[in-house]
Amino acid sequence: MISPYAQRVSALCGAMSDAKIDVAVLTHPDAIAYFAGYWNYLGMEFGRPTILVVKPGSTPTIITPLMEAEMCASMSWIEDIRPW
């Protein structure tokens, strides 16, 4: 069973392909929560951004602060988590 988050990313990738967009870099916490199912407690305004990178034909990547990487792995369906 595919998660609703994965379905949303799939729909986004389809729209991106139709529009010939190669990559989406999402930084807004609401967008990341909507597509990845993950929200961090601090964010861009505190200098601790989390970034979701979506490319059609590839698995999405979350880039998140090291202190939150474990929480991210337990909250999100996305497997490619890159701590910074």
C-alpha atoms as a PDB file:
ATOM      1  CA  MET A   1       0.000   0.000   0.000  1.00  0.00           C
ATOM      2  CA  ILE A   2       1.461   3.329  -1.065  1.00  0.00           C
ATOM      3  CA  SER A   3       1.381   6.109   1.525  1.00  0.00           C
ATOM      4  CA  PRO A   4      -0.580   9.306   0.842  1.00  0.00           C
ATOM      5  CA  TYR A   5       2.729  11.180   1.021  1.00  0.00           C
ATOM      6  CA  ALA A   6       4.254   8.997  -1.696  1.00  0.00           C
ATOM      7  CA  GLN A   7       1.134   9.521  -3.808  1.00  0.00           C
ATOM      8  CA  ARG A   8       1.519  13.291  -3.419  1.00  0.00           C
ATOM      9  CA  VAL A   9       5.177  13.131  -4.453  1.00  0.00           C
ATOM     10  CA  SER A  10       4.220  10.972  -7.433  1.00  0.00           C
ATOM     11  CA  ALA A  11       1.603  13.529  -8.507  1.00  0.00           C
ATOM     12  CA  LEU A  12       4.141  16.334  -8.056  1.00  0.00           C
ATOM     13  CA  CYS A  13       6.684  14.453 -10.174  1.00  0.00           C
ATOM     14  CA  GLY A  14       4.084  13.944 -12.900  1.00  0.00           C
ATOM     15  CA  ALA A  15       3.283  17.655 -12.949  1.00  0.00           C
ATOM     16  CA  MET A  16       6.993  18.487 -12.953  1.00  0.00           C
ATOM     17  CA  SER A  17       7.625  16.167 -15.901  1.00  0.00           C
ATOM     18  CA  ASP A  18       4.725  17.687 -17.820  1.00  0.00           C
ATOM     19  CA  ALA A  19       6.134  21.164 -17.170  1.00  0.00           C
ATOM     20  CA  LYS A  20       9.696  20.017 -17.973  1.00  0.00           C
ATOM     21  CA  ILE A  21      10.947  20.890 -14.488  1.00  0.00           C
ATOM     22  CA  ASP A  22      13.995  18.847 -13.485  1.00  0.00           C
ATOM     23  CA  VAL A  23      14.097  19.400  -9.738  1.00  0.00           C
ATOM     24  CA  ALA A  24      12.023  20.917  -6.934  1.00  0.00           C
ATOM     25  CA  VAL A  25      13.752  22.215  -3.811  1.00  0.00           C
ATOM     26  CA  LEU A  26      11.175  22.636  -1.063  1.00  0.00           C
ATOM     27  CA  THR A  27      12.035  24.575   2.088  1.00  0.00           C
ATOM     28  CA  HIS A  28       8.669  25.627   3.487  1.00  0.00           C
ATOM     29  CA  PRO A  29       7.822  23.493   6.555  1.00  0.00           C
ATOM     30  CA  ASP A  30       4.209  23.012   5.430  1.00  0.00           C
ATOM     31  CA  ALA A  31       5.315  21.736   2.008  1.00  0.00           C
ATOM     32  CA  ILE A  32       7.797  19.342   3.586  1.00  0.00           C
ATOM     33  CA  ALA A  33       5.137  18.063   5.994  1.00  0.00           C
ATOM     34  CA  TYR A  34       2.653  17.656   3.111  1.00  0.00           C
ATOM     35  CA  PHE A  35       4.991  15.669   0.862  1.00  0.00           C
ATOM     36  CA  ALA A  36       7.290  13.927   3.355  1.00  0.00           C
ATOM     37  CA  GLY A  37       5.223  13.597   6.527  1.00  0.00           C
ATOM     38  CA  TYR A  38       8.022  15.237   8.492  1.00  0.00           C
ATOM     39  CA  TRP A  39       8.256  18.528  10.307  1.00  0.00           C
ATOM     40  CA  ASN A  40      11.169  19.757  12.328  1.00  0.00           C
ATOM     41  CA  TYR A  41      10.913  21.870  15.435  1.00  0.00           C
ATOM     42  CA  LEU A  42      13.225  24.645  14.420  1.00  0.00           C
ATOM     43  CA  GLY A  43      13.591  25.829  10.912  1.00  0.00           C
ATOM     44  CA  MET A  44      14.774  28.393   8.438  1.00  0.00           C
ATOM     45  CA  GLU A  45      14.038  31.282  10.799  1.00  0.00           C
ATOM     46  CA  PHE A  46      16.370  29.727  13.392  1.00  0.00           C
ATOM     47  CA  GLY A  47      19.107  28.964  10.866  1.00  0.00           C
ATOM     48  CA  ARG A  48      18.305  25.227  10.926  1.00  0.00           C
ATOM     49  CA  PRO A  49      16.616  24.590   7.582  1.00  0.00           C
ATOM     50  CA  THR A  50      15.260  21.291   6.398  1.00  0.00           C
ATOM     51  CA  ILE A  51      15.136  20.824   2.640  1.00  0.00           C
ATOM     52  CA  LEU A  52      13.188  18.324   0.539  1.00  0.00           C
ATOM     53  CA  VAL A  53      14.599  17.642  -2.932  1.00  0.00           C
ATOM     54  CA  VAL A  54      12.270  16.025  -5.458  1.00  0.00           C
ATOM     55  CA  LYS A  55      13.356  14.867  -8.925  1.00  0.00           C
ATOM     56  CA  PRO A  56      11.088  12.954 -11.289  1.00  0.00           C
ATOM     57  CA  GLY A  57      12.429   9.433 -11.723  1.00  0.00           C
ATOM     58  CA  SER A  58      14.439   9.538  -8.475  1.00  0.00           C
ATOM     59  CA  THR A  59      13.667   8.963  -4.839  1.00  0.00           C
ATOM     60  CA  PRO A  60      13.167  12.159  -2.817  1.00  0.00           C
ATOM     61  CA  THR A  61      15.875  13.343  -0.442  1.00  0.00           C
ATOM     62  CA  ILE A  62      15.508  15.141   2.877  1.00  0.00           C
ATOM     63  CA  ILE A  63      18.394  17.277   4.080  1.00  0.00           C
ATOM     64  CA  THR A  64      17.955  18.021   7.778  1.00  0.00           C
ATOM     65  CA  PRO A  65      20.075  19.032  10.782  1.00  0.00           C
ATOM     66  CA  LEU A  66      22.037  16.158  12.310  1.00  0.00           C
ATOM     67  CA  MET A  67      20.235  16.509  15.645  1.00  0.00           C
ATOM     68  CA  GLU A  68      16.916  15.823  13.932  1.00  0.00           C
ATOM     69  CA  ALA A  69      17.948  13.094  11.477  1.00  0.00           C
ATOM     70  CA  GLU A  70      16.815  10.222  13.709  1.00  0.00           C
ATOM     71  CA  MET A  71      13.431  11.866  14.317  1.00  0.00           C
ATOM     72  CA  CYS A  72      13.124  12.476  10.578  1.00  0.00           C
ATOM     73  CA  ALA A  73      13.784   8.793   9.832  1.00  0.00           C
ATOM     74  CA  SER A  74      11.060   7.716  12.233  1.00  0.00           C
ATOM     75  CA  MET A  75       8.474  10.230  10.983  1.00  0.00           C
ATOM     76  CA  SER A  76       8.945  10.156   7.208  1.00  0.00           C
ATOM     77  CA  TRP A  77       8.487   7.513   4.560  1.00  0.00           C
ATOM     78  CA  ILE A  78      11.516   8.895   2.714  1.00  0.00           C
ATOM     79  CA  GLU A  79      14.609   6.732   3.110  1.00  0.00           C
ATOM     80  CA  ASP A  80      17.258   9.084   1.695  1.00  0.00           C
ATOM     81  CA  ILE A  81      17.921  11.364   4.665  1.00  0.00           C
ATOM     82  CA  ARG A  82      21.078  13.422   4.594  1.00  0.00           C
ATOM     83  CA  PRO A  83      22.046  15.095   7.853  1.00  0.00           C
ATOM     84  CA  TRP A  84      24.088  18.259   7.852  1.00  0.00           C
END
